[in-house]
């Protein structure tokens, strides 16, 4: 992939957001993707903006993201701003016809995400990719490829585990589901190749007097084709960061093995080092994600998670939130998608 990119014209990219995620994307585009050039960077924190811009050799800096989107030197935009800005910034990119890779979630509700889908369909071509980057994680891909090969037979169950070491502050049920579990909900759709039709979500709050918070969320899934699923999203496990999935079929099962460290036996103990956060766990996935995004722009063939995937994931997320609040199962109605979103 990199050799082919080196012979092609570079794509000039503007990155919105210079925080942990935005900085990682800017550095990856600069140092890991020969076919990309980060020419613009935007953030409201001028000091941080200057540090990241200097590290990546950025020519143009802005504190106003809309100015970056409209700038003539910017051909494509990567959005890594806080979640609440994703929908409006993506719409702004569509309005000027610029391709955009938007970090997850695409929007804070399915209704917001649907407006993006409608705008993209009205424009007649795919411009939006969503940062649901587990599709680029080698561990996830190996399990997905095994399932698609037919080796497991008919798939019966999906299990996802999403473990966080600890949160900086208490998080609401809505935030945990839309910001964290949305990754798992997309994996549950993508890996199984089927749509979710019913969910039941329950959660453990941080304290009895704050029932709106969620330290841990459990989600049960039912699929259109009859399979079932389970997702555990733990916000404060206290020991590190892990994400793994297991698929069970009628002829066997397959699961990821995400720990990358050596197995050490010492002093009557056997153990492995566990990653500290998602930037470590998915380091390779983030590189592959932006590399494939740039390649898709060069060849004019959109790839990766689409605006429709972002919308469908939010439909399931909204149902999970409603279920967690009501204590009852909630049906999910995912409509027929436009032809332009079908993957070949």
C-alpha atoms as a PDB file:
ATOM      1  CA  UNK A   1       0.000   0.000   0.000  1.00  0.00           C
ATOM      2  CA  UNK A   2       2.698   2.523   1.020  1.00  0.00           C
ATOM      3  CA  UNK A   3       4.758   1.871  -2.149  1.00  0.00           C
ATOM      4  CA  UNK A   4       1.763   2.655  -4.358  1.00  0.00           C
ATOM      5  CA  UNK A   5       1.016   5.817  -2.386  1.00  0.00           C
ATOM      6  CA  UNK A   6       4.569   7.101  -2.720  1.00  0.00           C
ATOM      7  CA  UNK A   7       4.167   7.404  -6.511  1.00  0.00           C
ATOM      8  CA  UNK A   8       0.811   9.236  -6.327  1.00  0.00           C
ATOM      9  CA  UNK A   9       0.044  12.900  -5.713  1.00  0.00           C
ATOM     10  CA  UNK A  10      -0.360  13.764  -2.064  1.00  0.00           C
ATOM     11  CA  UNK A  11      -3.781  14.537  -0.610  1.00  0.00           C
ATOM     12  CA  UNK A  12      -3.788  17.798   1.344  1.00  0.00           C
ATOM     13  CA  UNK A  13      -5.572  17.226   4.662  1.00  0.00           C
ATOM     14  CA  UNK A  14      -6.903  19.533   7.339  1.00  0.00           C
ATOM     15  CA  UNK A  15      -7.279  18.111  10.858  1.00  0.00           C
ATOM     16  CA  UNK A  16      -9.850  19.567  13.249  1.00  0.00           C
ATOM     17  CA  UNK A  17      -8.857  18.972  16.865  1.00  0.00           C
ATOM     18  CA  UNK A  18      -5.359  18.826  18.343  1.00  0.00           C
ATOM     19  CA  UNK A  19      -6.188  16.792  21.450  1.00  0.00           C
ATOM     20  CA  UNK A  20      -5.045  13.227  22.045  1.00  0.00           C
ATOM     21  CA  UNK A  21      -6.995  11.769  19.143  1.00  0.00           C
ATOM     22  CA  UNK A  22      -6.413  14.660  16.744  1.00  0.00           C
ATOM     23  CA  UNK A  23      -2.697  14.730  17.475  1.00  0.00           C
ATOM     24  CA  UNK A  24      -2.454  10.982  16.878  1.00  0.00           C
ATOM     25  CA  UNK A  25      -4.199  11.306  13.503  1.00  0.00           C
ATOM     26  CA  UNK A  26      -2.080  14.312  12.488  1.00  0.00           C
ATOM     27  CA  UNK A  27       1.153  12.520  13.382  1.00  0.00           C
ATOM     28  CA  UNK A  28       0.065   9.312  11.644  1.00  0.00           C
ATOM     29  CA  UNK A  29      -0.844  11.183   8.464  1.00  0.00           C
ATOM     30  CA  UNK A  30       2.468  13.031   8.577  1.00  0.00           C
ATOM     31  CA  UNK A  31       4.815  10.175   9.423  1.00  0.00           C
ATOM     32  CA  UNK A  32       3.006   6.994   8.331  1.00  0.00           C
ATOM     33  CA  UNK A  33       1.159   7.962   5.135  1.00  0.00           C
ATOM     34  CA  UNK A  34       3.392   9.092   2.304  1.00  0.00           C
ATOM     35  CA  UNK A  35       0.376  10.058   0.182  1.00  0.00           C
ATOM     36  CA  UNK A  36      -0.917  12.572   2.740  1.00  0.00           C
ATOM     37  CA  UNK A  37       0.205  16.043   3.710  1.00  0.00           C
ATOM     38  CA  UNK A  38      -1.314  17.757   6.740  1.00  0.00           C
ATOM     39  CA  UNK A  39      -1.540  21.369   5.593  1.00  0.00           C
ATOM     40  CA  UNK A  40      -4.001  22.755   8.149  1.00  0.00           C
ATOM     41  CA  UNK A  41      -4.861  22.251  11.803  1.00  0.00           C
ATOM     42  CA  UNK A  42      -7.619  23.728  13.955  1.00  0.00           C
ATOM     43  CA  UNK A  43      -8.158  23.846  17.720  1.00  0.00           C
ATOM     44  CA  UNK A  44      -9.499  26.356  20.248  1.00  0.00           C
ATOM     45  CA  UNK A  45      -6.431  25.745  22.440  1.00  0.00           C
ATOM     46  CA  UNK A  46      -3.870  27.954  20.721  1.00  0.00           C
ATOM     47  CA  UNK A  47      -0.924  26.626  22.745  1.00  0.00           C
ATOM     48  CA  UNK A  48      -1.633  22.996  21.949  1.00  0.00           C
ATOM     49  CA  UNK A  49      -2.416  23.923  18.353  1.00  0.00           C
ATOM     50  CA  UNK A  50       1.055  25.434  17.995  1.00  0.00           C
ATOM     51  CA  UNK A  51       2.829  22.398  19.451  1.00  0.00           C
ATOM     52  CA  UNK A  52       1.099  19.884  17.154  1.00  0.00           C
ATOM     53  CA  UNK A  53       1.386  22.155  14.113  1.00  0.00           C
ATOM     54  CA  UNK A  54       5.140  22.482  14.631  1.00  0.00           C
ATOM     55  CA  UNK A  55       5.559  18.725  15.070  1.00  0.00           C
ATOM     56  CA  UNK A  56       3.716  18.026  11.813  1.00  0.00           C
ATOM     57  CA  UNK A  57       5.016  20.927   9.724  1.00  0.00           C
ATOM     58  CA  UNK A  58       1.546  22.419   9.294  1.00  0.00           C
ATOM     59  CA  UNK A  59       1.306  25.575   7.186  1.00  0.00           C
ATOM     60  CA  UNK A  60      -2.114  26.900   8.206  1.00  0.00           C
ATOM     61  CA  UNK A  61      -3.560  27.019  11.734  1.00  0.00           C
ATOM     62  CA  UNK A  62      -7.043  28.105  12.782  1.00  0.00           C
ATOM     63  CA  UNK A  63      -9.062  28.493  15.952  1.00  0.00           C
ATOM     64  CA  UNK A  64     -12.225  28.414  13.800  1.00  0.00           C
ATOM     65  CA  UNK A  65     -12.876  24.972  12.282  1.00  0.00           C
ATOM     66  CA  UNK A  66     -15.157  26.387   9.574  1.00  0.00           C
ATOM     67  CA  UNK A  67     -12.269  28.457   8.232  1.00  0.00           C
ATOM     68  CA  UNK A  68     -10.191  25.290   7.896  1.00  0.00           C
ATOM     69  CA  UNK A  69     -12.989  23.491   6.054  1.00  0.00           C
ATOM     70  CA  UNK A  70     -13.400  26.347   3.574  1.00  0.00           C
ATOM     71  CA  UNK A  71      -9.669  26.928   2.994  1.00  0.00           C
ATOM     72  CA  UNK A  72      -8.643  26.368  -0.623  1.00  0.00           C
ATOM     73  CA  UNK A  73      -5.502  24.378   0.285  1.00  0.00           C
ATOM     74  CA  UNK A  74      -7.547  21.752   2.162  1.00  0.00           C
ATOM     75  CA  UNK A  75      -8.769  18.894  -0.040  1.00  0.00           C
ATOM     76  CA  UNK A  76     -10.012  16.550   2.696  1.00  0.00           C
ATOM     77  CA  UNK A  77     -10.875  16.957   6.366  1.00  0.00           C
ATOM     78  CA  UNK A  78     -10.352  14.763   9.422  1.00  0.00           C
ATOM     79  CA  UNK A  79     -12.612  15.642  12.360  1.00  0.00           C
ATOM     80  CA  UNK A  80     -11.325  14.841  15.845  1.00  0.00           C
ATOM     81  CA  UNK A  81     -13.173  17.567  17.731  1.00  0.00           C
ATOM     82  CA  UNK A  82     -15.400  16.784  20.752  1.00  0.00           C
ATOM     83  CA  UNK A  83     -18.415  14.609  19.948  1.00  0.00           C
ATOM     84  CA  UNK A  84     -20.962  17.422  20.123  1.00  0.00           C
ATOM     85  CA  UNK A  85     -19.389  19.124  17.099  1.00  0.00           C
ATOM     86  CA  UNK A  86     -19.171  16.079  14.809  1.00  0.00           C
ATOM     87  CA  UNK A  87     -22.522  16.388  13.049  1.00  0.00           C
ATOM     88  CA  UNK A  88     -22.297  20.120  12.282  1.00  0.00           C
ATOM     89  CA  UNK A  89     -18.690  19.899  11.066  1.00  0.00           C
ATOM     90  CA  UNK A  90     -19.472  16.909   8.851  1.00  0.00           C
ATOM     91  CA  UNK A  91     -22.420  18.792   7.352  1.00  0.00           C
ATOM     92  CA  UNK A  92     -20.105  21.735   6.689  1.00  0.00           C
ATOM     93  CA  UNK A  93     -17.728  19.443   4.783  1.00  0.00           C
ATOM     94  CA  UNK A  94     -20.611  18.063   2.717  1.00  0.00           C
ATOM     95  CA  UNK A  95     -21.775  21.604   1.937  1.00  0.00           C
ATOM     96  CA  UNK A  96     -18.447  22.378   0.235  1.00  0.00           C
ATOM     97  CA  UNK A  97     -18.043  18.910  -1.293  1.00  0.00           C
ATOM     98  CA  UNK A  98     -14.946  17.856   0.654  1.00  0.00           C
ATOM     99  CA  UNK A  99     -14.318  14.248   1.766  1.00  0.00           C
ATOM    100  CA  UNK A 100     -14.275  13.815   5.521  1.00  0.00           C
ATOM    101  CA  UNK A 101     -13.141  11.210   8.022  1.00  0.00           C
ATOM    102  CA  UNK A 102     -15.167  11.938  11.150  1.00  0.00           C
ATOM    103  CA  UNK A 103     -14.278  10.353  14.460  1.00  0.00           C
ATOM    104  CA  UNK A 104     -17.047   8.361  16.105  1.00  0.00           C
ATOM    105  CA  UNK A 105     -19.818   8.984  16.890  1.00  0.00           C
ATOM    106  CA  UNK A 106     -21.008  10.563  13.660  1.00  0.00           C
ATOM    107  CA  UNK A 107     -23.623  12.420  15.723  1.00  0.00           C
ATOM    108  CA  UNK A 108     -25.114  12.412  19.205  1.00  0.00           C
ATOM    109  CA  UNK A 109     -28.416  10.923  18.014  1.00  0.00           C
ATOM    110  CA  UNK A 110     -29.749   8.843  15.159  1.00  0.00           C
ATOM    111  CA  UNK A 111     -31.873  11.795  13.992  1.00  0.00           C
ATOM    112  CA  UNK A 112     -28.747  13.970  13.604  1.00  0.00           C
ATOM    113  CA  UNK A 113     -26.902  11.173  11.816  1.00  0.00           C
ATOM    114  CA  UNK A 114     -29.846  10.614   9.463  1.00  0.00           C
ATOM    115  CA  UNK A 115     -29.675  14.235   8.321  1.00  0.00           C
ATOM    116  CA  UNK A 116     -26.047  13.649   7.319  1.00  0.00           C
ATOM    117  CA  UNK A 117     -27.014  10.503   5.412  1.00  0.00           C
ATOM    118  CA  UNK A 118     -29.809  12.366   3.622  1.00  0.00           C
ATOM    119  CA  UNK A 119     -27.472  15.210   2.658  1.00  0.00           C
ATOM    120  CA  UNK A 120     -24.858  12.794   1.332  1.00  0.00           C
ATOM    121  CA  UNK A 121     -27.415  10.811  -0.663  1.00  0.00           C
ATOM    122  CA  UNK A 122     -28.812  14.054  -2.100  1.00  0.00           C
ATOM    123  CA  UNK A 123     -25.292  14.923  -3.240  1.00  0.00           C
ATOM    124  CA  UNK A 124     -25.033  11.625  -5.094  1.00  0.00           C
ATOM    125  CA  UNK A 125     -21.646  10.402  -3.845  1.00  0.00           C
ATOM    126  CA  UNK A 126     -20.000   9.108  -0.693  1.00  0.00           C
ATOM    127  CA  UNK A 127     -17.833  11.689   1.018  1.00  0.00           C
ATOM    128  CA  UNK A 128     -18.076  10.578   4.647  1.00  0.00           C
ATOM    129  CA  UNK A 129     -16.106   7.899   6.451  1.00  0.00           C
ATOM    130  CA  UNK A 130     -16.647   7.339  10.181  1.00  0.00           C
ATOM    131  CA  UNK A 131     -13.815   6.507  12.584  1.00  0.00           C
ATOM    132  CA  UNK A 132     -15.127   3.105  13.653  1.00  0.00           C
ATOM    133  CA  UNK A 133     -11.579   1.842  13.335  1.00  0.00           C
ATOM    134  CA  UNK A 134     -11.957  -1.683  14.701  1.00  0.00           C
ATOM    135  CA  UNK A 135     -12.475  -2.671  11.064  1.00  0.00           C
ATOM    136  CA  UNK A 136      -8.736  -2.010  10.695  1.00  0.00           C
ATOM    137  CA  UNK A 137      -7.578  -3.860  13.811  1.00  0.00           C
ATOM    138  CA  UNK A 138      -5.617  -6.997  12.797  1.00  0.00           C
ATOM    139  CA  UNK A 139      -7.092  -9.039  15.678  1.00  0.00           C
ATOM    140  CA  UNK A 140     -10.671  -8.197  14.712  1.00  0.00           C
ATOM    141  CA  UNK A 141      -9.959  -8.743  11.028  1.00  0.00           C
ATOM    142  CA  UNK A 142      -8.596 -12.250  11.574  1.00  0.00           C
ATOM    143  CA  UNK A 143     -11.779 -13.309  13.366  1.00  0.00           C
ATOM    144  CA  UNK A 144     -14.003 -11.596  10.785  1.00  0.00           C
ATOM    145  CA  UNK A 145     -12.180 -13.295   7.907  1.00  0.00           C
ATOM    146  CA  UNK A 146     -12.510 -16.691   9.572  1.00  0.00           C
ATOM    147  CA  UNK A 147     -16.241 -16.199   9.983  1.00  0.00           C
ATOM    148  CA  UNK A 148     -16.658 -15.031   6.376  1.00  0.00           C
ATOM    149  CA  UNK A 149     -14.743 -18.085   5.141  1.00  0.00           C
ATOM    150  CA  UNK A 150     -17.530 -20.327   6.441  1.00  0.00           C
ATOM    151  CA  UNK A 151     -15.194 -22.261   8.752  1.00  0.00           C
ATOM    152  CA  UNK A 152     -17.444 -21.676  11.770  1.00  0.00           C
ATOM    153  CA  UNK A 153     -20.667 -22.517   9.965  1.00  0.00           C
ATOM    154  CA  UNK A 154     -23.747 -20.468  10.733  1.00  0.00           C
ATOM    155  CA  UNK A 155     -22.917 -17.825  13.315  1.00  0.00           C
ATOM    156  CA  UNK A 156     -24.969 -18.061  16.509  1.00  0.00           C
ATOM    157  CA  UNK A 157     -23.597 -15.481  18.936  1.00  0.00           C
ATOM    158  CA  UNK A 158     -21.481 -12.341  19.306  1.00  0.00           C
ATOM    159  CA  UNK A 159     -19.718 -11.362  22.519  1.00  0.00           C
ATOM    160  CA  UNK A 160     -17.869  -8.096  22.989  1.00  0.00           C
ATOM    161  CA  UNK A 161     -15.839  -6.940  25.987  1.00  0.00           C
ATOM    162  CA  UNK A 162     -14.721  -3.322  26.286  1.00  0.00           C
ATOM    163  CA  UNK A 163     -12.648  -2.636  29.404  1.00  0.00           C
ATOM    164  CA  UNK A 164     -11.384   0.820  30.397  1.00  0.00           C
ATOM    165  CA  UNK A 165      -8.793   1.317  33.117  1.00  0.00           C
ATOM    166  CA  UNK A 166     -10.535   4.288  34.697  1.00  0.00           C
ATOM    167  CA  UNK A 167     -12.486   7.440  33.953  1.00  0.00           C
ATOM    168  CA  UNK A 168     -11.449  10.984  34.834  1.00  0.00           C
ATOM    169  CA  UNK A 169     -14.977  11.668  36.047  1.00  0.00           C
ATOM    170  CA  UNK A 170     -18.336   9.969  36.351  1.00  0.00           C
ATOM    171  CA  UNK A 171     -20.032   9.425  33.006  1.00  0.00           C
ATOM    172  CA  UNK A 172     -23.729   9.322  32.191  1.00  0.00           C
ATOM    173  CA  UNK A 173     -25.424   6.335  30.584  1.00  0.00           C
ATOM    174  CA  UNK A 174     -25.924   8.358  27.394  1.00  0.00           C
ATOM    175  CA  UNK A 175     -22.241   9.287  27.196  1.00  0.00           C
ATOM    176  CA  UNK A 176     -20.986   5.749  27.833  1.00  0.00           C
ATOM    177  CA  UNK A 177     -23.219   4.322  25.107  1.00  0.00           C
ATOM    178  CA  UNK A 178     -22.742   7.030  22.445  1.00  0.00           C
ATOM    179  CA  UNK A 179     -19.022   7.632  23.035  1.00  0.00           C
ATOM    180  CA  UNK A 180     -17.684   4.204  24.051  1.00  0.00           C
ATOM    181  CA  UNK A 181     -20.160   1.374  23.421  1.00  0.00           C
ATOM    182  CA  UNK A 182     -20.940   2.708  19.935  1.00  0.00           C
ATOM    183  CA  UNK A 183     -17.679   1.047  18.833  1.00  0.00           C
ATOM    184  CA  UNK A 184     -18.928  -2.299  20.148  1.00  0.00           C
ATOM    185  CA  UNK A 185     -22.357  -1.818  18.563  1.00  0.00           C
ATOM    186  CA  UNK A 186     -20.723  -1.255  15.187  1.00  0.00           C
ATOM    187  CA  UNK A 187     -18.512  -4.316  15.680  1.00  0.00           C
ATOM    188  CA  UNK A 188     -21.617  -6.319  16.531  1.00  0.00           C
ATOM    189  CA  UNK A 189     -23.180  -5.344  13.173  1.00  0.00           C
ATOM    190  CA  UNK A 190     -20.059  -5.472  11.000  1.00  0.00           C
ATOM    191  CA  UNK A 191     -18.550  -8.703  12.280  1.00  0.00           C
ATOM    192  CA  UNK A 192     -21.827 -10.622  12.253  1.00  0.00           C
ATOM    193  CA  UNK A 193     -22.940  -9.249   8.894  1.00  0.00           C
ATOM    194  CA  UNK A 194     -26.460  -8.864  10.259  1.00  0.00           C
ATOM    195  CA  UNK A 195     -28.657  -6.168  11.723  1.00  0.00           C
ATOM    196  CA  UNK A 196     -29.674  -5.871  15.373  1.00  0.00           C
ATOM    197  CA  UNK A 197     -33.443  -5.837  15.880  1.00  0.00           C
ATOM    198  CA  UNK A 198     -33.798  -5.747  19.687  1.00  0.00           C
ATOM    199  CA  UNK A 199     -31.670  -4.634  22.618  1.00  0.00           C
ATOM    200  CA  UNK A 200     -31.872  -4.808  26.387  1.00  0.00           C
ATOM    201  CA  UNK A 201     -29.443  -2.613  28.302  1.00  0.00           C
ATOM    202  CA  UNK A 202     -28.777  -2.436  32.024  1.00  0.00           C
ATOM    203  CA  UNK A 203     -26.134  -0.555  33.961  1.00  0.00           C
ATOM    204  CA  UNK A 204     -24.404  -0.220  37.303  1.00  0.00           C
ATOM    205  CA  UNK A 205     -24.297   3.441  38.425  1.00  0.00           C
ATOM    206  CA  UNK A 206     -21.394   4.950  40.327  1.00  0.00           C
ATOM    207  CA  UNK A 207     -23.683   5.559  43.297  1.00  0.00           C
ATOM    208  CA  UNK A 208     -27.302   4.944  44.277  1.00  0.00           C
ATOM    209  CA  UNK A 209     -28.101   8.659  44.309  1.00  0.00           C
ATOM    210  CA  UNK A 210     -26.815   9.102  40.722  1.00  0.00           C
ATOM    211  CA  UNK A 211     -28.796   6.533  38.710  1.00  0.00           C
ATOM    212  CA  UNK A 212     -28.073   8.503  35.514  1.00  0.00           C
ATOM    213  CA  UNK A 213     -24.391   7.512  35.692  1.00  0.00           C
ATOM    214  CA  UNK A 214     -22.902   4.254  34.441  1.00  0.00           C
ATOM    215  CA  UNK A 215     -19.759   2.585  35.675  1.00  0.00           C
ATOM    216  CA  UNK A 216     -20.588  -0.573  33.704  1.00  0.00           C
ATOM    217  CA  UNK A 217     -23.128  -1.249  30.951  1.00  0.00           C
ATOM    218  CA  UNK A 218     -24.392  -4.659  29.819  1.00  0.00           C
ATOM    219  CA  UNK A 219     -26.226  -4.953  26.502  1.00  0.00           C
ATOM    220  CA  UNK A 220     -28.084  -7.980  25.183  1.00  0.00           C
ATOM    221  CA  UNK A 221     -28.632  -8.170  21.428  1.00  0.00           C
ATOM    222  CA  UNK A 222     -31.010 -10.026  19.128  1.00  0.00           C
ATOM    223  CA  UNK A 223     -30.283 -10.231  15.418  1.00  0.00           C
ATOM    224  CA  UNK A 224     -32.559 -10.304  12.393  1.00  0.00           C
ATOM    225  CA  UNK A 225     -31.240 -13.736  11.427  1.00  0.00           C
ATOM    226  CA  UNK A 226     -31.872 -15.271  14.866  1.00  0.00           C
ATOM    227  CA  UNK A 227     -28.435 -14.921  16.484  1.00  0.00           C
ATOM    228  CA  UNK A 228     -27.904 -13.366  19.902  1.00  0.00           C
ATOM    229  CA  UNK A 229     -25.210 -11.153  21.382  1.00  0.00           C
ATOM    230  CA  UNK A 230     -23.806  -9.647  24.551  1.00  0.00           C
ATOM    231  CA  UNK A 231     -21.659  -6.553  25.154  1.00  0.00           C
ATOM    232  CA  UNK A 232     -19.934  -5.592  28.394  1.00  0.00           C
ATOM    233  CA  UNK A 233     -18.633  -2.031  28.589  1.00  0.00           C
ATOM    234  CA  UNK A 234     -16.720  -1.350  31.811  1.00  0.00           C
ATOM    235  CA  UNK A 235     -15.671   2.255  32.391  1.00  0.00           C
ATOM    236  CA  UNK A 236     -13.448   1.760  35.425  1.00  0.00           C
ATOM    237  CA  UNK A 237     -11.916  -1.700  35.698  1.00  0.00           C
ATOM    238  CA  UNK A 238      -8.883  -0.324  37.489  1.00  0.00           C
ATOM    239  CA  UNK A 239      -6.201  -2.371  35.725  1.00  0.00           C
ATOM    240  CA  UNK A 240      -5.891  -1.336  32.070  1.00  0.00           C
ATOM    241  CA  UNK A 241      -7.560  -1.271  28.664  1.00  0.00           C
ATOM    242  CA  UNK A 242      -8.824  -4.318  26.766  1.00  0.00           C
ATOM    243  CA  UNK A 243     -11.137  -4.847  23.807  1.00  0.00           C
ATOM    244  CA  UNK A 244     -11.948  -8.347  22.591  1.00  0.00           C
ATOM    245  CA  UNK A 245     -14.690 -10.155  20.709  1.00  0.00           C
ATOM    246  CA  UNK A 246     -15.780 -13.758  20.395  1.00  0.00           C
ATOM    247  CA  UNK A 247     -17.935 -15.220  17.637  1.00  0.00           C
ATOM    248  CA  UNK A 248     -19.630 -18.574  18.156  1.00  0.00           C
ATOM    249  CA  UNK A 249     -20.784 -20.629  15.197  1.00  0.00           C
ATOM    250  CA  UNK A 250     -22.413 -24.008  14.771  1.00  0.00           C
ATOM    251  CA  UNK A 251     -19.035 -25.663  14.036  1.00  0.00           C
ATOM    252  CA  UNK A 252     -16.738 -23.764  16.391  1.00  0.00           C
ATOM    253  CA  UNK A 253     -15.805 -20.357  17.739  1.00  0.00           C
ATOM    254  CA  UNK A 254     -13.145 -17.692  17.240  1.00  0.00           C
ATOM    255  CA  UNK A 255     -12.005 -14.877  19.480  1.00  0.00           C
ATOM    256  CA  UNK A 256      -9.472 -12.089  19.380  1.00  0.00           C
ATOM    257  CA  UNK A 257      -6.294 -12.107  21.416  1.00  0.00           C
ATOM    258  CA  UNK A 258      -5.568  -8.426  21.832  1.00  0.00           C
ATOM    259  CA  UNK A 259      -2.695  -8.487  24.318  1.00  0.00           C
ATOM    260  CA  UNK A 260       0.510  -7.914  22.384  1.00  0.00           C
ATOM    261  CA  UNK A 261       3.117  -8.206  25.125  1.00  0.00           C
ATOM    262  CA  UNK A 262       5.301 -11.182  25.911  1.00  0.00           C
ATOM    263  CA  UNK A 263       4.119 -13.785  28.385  1.00  0.00           C
ATOM    264  CA  UNK A 264       6.445 -13.545  31.392  1.00  0.00           C
ATOM    265  CA  UNK A 265       6.925 -16.299  33.942  1.00  0.00           C
ATOM    266  CA  UNK A 266       8.766 -15.109  37.025  1.00  0.00           C
ATOM    267  CA  UNK A 267       8.617 -15.472  40.821  1.00  0.00           C
ATOM    268  CA  UNK A 268       5.882 -18.101  40.716  1.00  0.00           C
ATOM    269  CA  UNK A 269       3.733 -15.883  38.498  1.00  0.00           C
ATOM    270  CA  UNK A 270       2.675 -15.860  34.845  1.00  0.00           C
ATOM    271  CA  UNK A 271       1.427 -12.660  33.258  1.00  0.00           C
ATOM    272  CA  UNK A 272       1.234 -10.142  30.420  1.00  0.00           C
ATOM    273  CA  UNK A 273       1.356  -6.370  30.271  1.00  0.00           C
ATOM    274  CA  UNK A 274      -2.038  -4.802  29.453  1.00  0.00           C
ATOM    275  CA  UNK A 275      -2.309  -1.642  27.344  1.00  0.00           C
ATOM    276  CA  UNK A 276      -3.066   1.587  29.182  1.00  0.00           C
ATOM    277  CA  UNK A 277      -5.574   3.096  26.748  1.00  0.00           C
ATOM    278  CA  UNK A 278      -7.104   2.883  23.274  1.00  0.00           C
ATOM    279  CA  UNK A 279      -4.231   4.793  21.652  1.00  0.00           C
ATOM    280  CA  UNK A 280      -1.894   1.955  22.632  1.00  0.00           C
ATOM    281  CA  UNK A 281      -4.315  -0.926  21.990  1.00  0.00           C
ATOM    282  CA  UNK A 282      -5.318   0.303  18.532  1.00  0.00           C
ATOM    283  CA  UNK A 283      -2.058   1.935  17.467  1.00  0.00           C
ATOM    284  CA  UNK A 284      -1.831  -0.186  14.309  1.00  0.00           C
ATOM    285  CA  UNK A 285      -5.536   0.188  13.502  1.00  0.00           C
ATOM    286  CA  UNK A 286      -5.317   3.982  13.527  1.00  0.00           C
ATOM    287  CA  UNK A 287      -2.426   3.905  11.058  1.00  0.00           C
ATOM    288  CA  UNK A 288      -4.218   1.494   8.737  1.00  0.00           C
ATOM    289  CA  UNK A 289      -7.397   3.550   8.990  1.00  0.00           C
ATOM    290  CA  UNK A 290      -5.898   6.825   7.729  1.00  0.00           C
ATOM    291  CA  UNK A 291      -3.719   5.040   5.189  1.00  0.00           C
ATOM    292  CA  UNK A 292      -6.732   3.301   3.637  1.00  0.00           C
ATOM    293  CA  UNK A 293      -8.777   6.502   3.789  1.00  0.00           C
ATOM    294  CA  UNK A 294      -6.160   8.434   1.834  1.00  0.00           C
ATOM    295  CA  UNK A 295      -5.826   5.585  -0.669  1.00  0.00           C
ATOM    296  CA  UNK A 296      -9.603   5.580  -1.206  1.00  0.00           C
ATOM    297  CA  UNK A 297      -9.482   9.306  -1.969  1.00  0.00           C
ATOM    298  CA  UNK A 298      -6.691   8.801  -4.503  1.00  0.00           C
ATOM    299  CA  UNK A 299      -8.473   6.061  -6.409  1.00  0.00           C
ATOM    300  CA  UNK A 300     -11.952   7.550  -6.014  1.00  0.00           C
ATOM    301  CA  UNK A 301     -13.413   4.416  -4.427  1.00  0.00           C
ATOM    302  CA  UNK A 302     -14.922   5.111  -0.987  1.00  0.00           C
ATOM    303  CA  UNK A 303     -14.175   2.436   1.606  1.00  0.00           C
ATOM    304  CA  UNK A 304     -14.456   1.825   5.316  1.00  0.00           C
ATOM    305  CA  UNK A 305     -17.334   2.556   7.688  1.00  0.00           C
ATOM    306  CA  UNK A 306     -19.784   4.899   5.980  1.00  0.00           C
ATOM    307  CA  UNK A 307     -22.221   7.548   7.134  1.00  0.00           C
ATOM    308  CA  UNK A 308     -24.829   4.808   6.993  1.00  0.00           C
ATOM    309  CA  UNK A 309     -22.799   2.711   9.438  1.00  0.00           C
ATOM    310  CA  UNK A 310     -22.575   5.740  11.707  1.00  0.00           C
ATOM    311  CA  UNK A 311     -26.344   6.216  11.453  1.00  0.00           C
ATOM    312  CA  UNK A 312     -27.220   2.547  12.014  1.00  0.00           C
ATOM    313  CA  UNK A 313     -24.915   2.380  15.034  1.00  0.00           C
ATOM    314  CA  UNK A 314     -26.668   5.410  16.509  1.00  0.00           C
ATOM    315  CA  UNK A 315     -30.077   3.840  15.922  1.00  0.00           C
ATOM    316  CA  UNK A 316     -28.928   0.904  18.058  1.00  0.00           C
ATOM    317  CA  UNK A 317     -27.296   3.253  20.586  1.00  0.00           C
ATOM    318  CA  UNK A 318     -30.492   5.292  20.969  1.00  0.00           C
ATOM    319  CA  UNK A 319     -32.416   2.066  21.594  1.00  0.00           C
ATOM    320  CA  UNK A 320     -29.852   1.019  24.219  1.00  0.00           C
ATOM    321  CA  UNK A 321     -30.215   4.354  26.005  1.00  0.00           C
ATOM    322  CA  UNK A 322     -34.003   4.035  25.993  1.00  0.00           C
ATOM    323  CA  UNK A 323     -33.738   0.490  27.335  1.00  0.00           C
ATOM    324  CA  UNK A 324     -31.305   1.462  30.099  1.00  0.00           C
ATOM    325  CA  UNK A 325     -33.685   4.205  31.231  1.00  0.00           C
ATOM    326  CA  UNK A 326     -36.900   2.174  31.009  1.00  0.00           C
ATOM    327  CA  UNK A 327     -35.579  -1.183  32.161  1.00  0.00           C
ATOM    328  CA  UNK A 328     -37.329  -2.824  29.209  1.00  0.00           C
ATOM    329  CA  UNK A 329     -36.193  -4.364  25.911  1.00  0.00           C
ATOM    330  CA  UNK A 330     -36.430  -1.964  22.963  1.00  0.00           C
ATOM    331  CA  UNK A 331     -36.889  -2.879  19.302  1.00  0.00           C
ATOM    332  CA  UNK A 332     -34.556  -1.412  16.672  1.00  0.00           C
ATOM    333  CA  UNK A 333     -35.900  -0.548  13.233  1.00  0.00           C
ATOM    334  CA  UNK A 334     -33.042  -0.105  10.754  1.00  0.00           C
ATOM    335  CA  UNK A 335     -34.526   0.926   7.386  1.00  0.00           C
ATOM    336  CA  UNK A 336     -33.360  -0.133   3.943  1.00  0.00           C
ATOM    337  CA  UNK A 337     -30.151   1.645   3.075  1.00  0.00           C
ATOM    338  CA  UNK A 338     -29.441   3.517  -0.136  1.00  0.00           C
ATOM    339  CA  UNK A 339     -27.644   1.596  -2.864  1.00  0.00           C
ATOM    340  CA  UNK A 340     -24.564   3.837  -2.642  1.00  0.00           C
ATOM    341  CA  UNK A 341     -23.761   2.404   0.798  1.00  0.00           C
ATOM    342  CA  UNK A 342     -23.698  -1.261  -0.190  1.00  0.00           C
ATOM    343  CA  UNK A 343     -20.265  -2.811   0.176  1.00  0.00           C
ATOM    344  CA  UNK A 344     -18.963  -4.954  -2.626  1.00  0.00           C
END
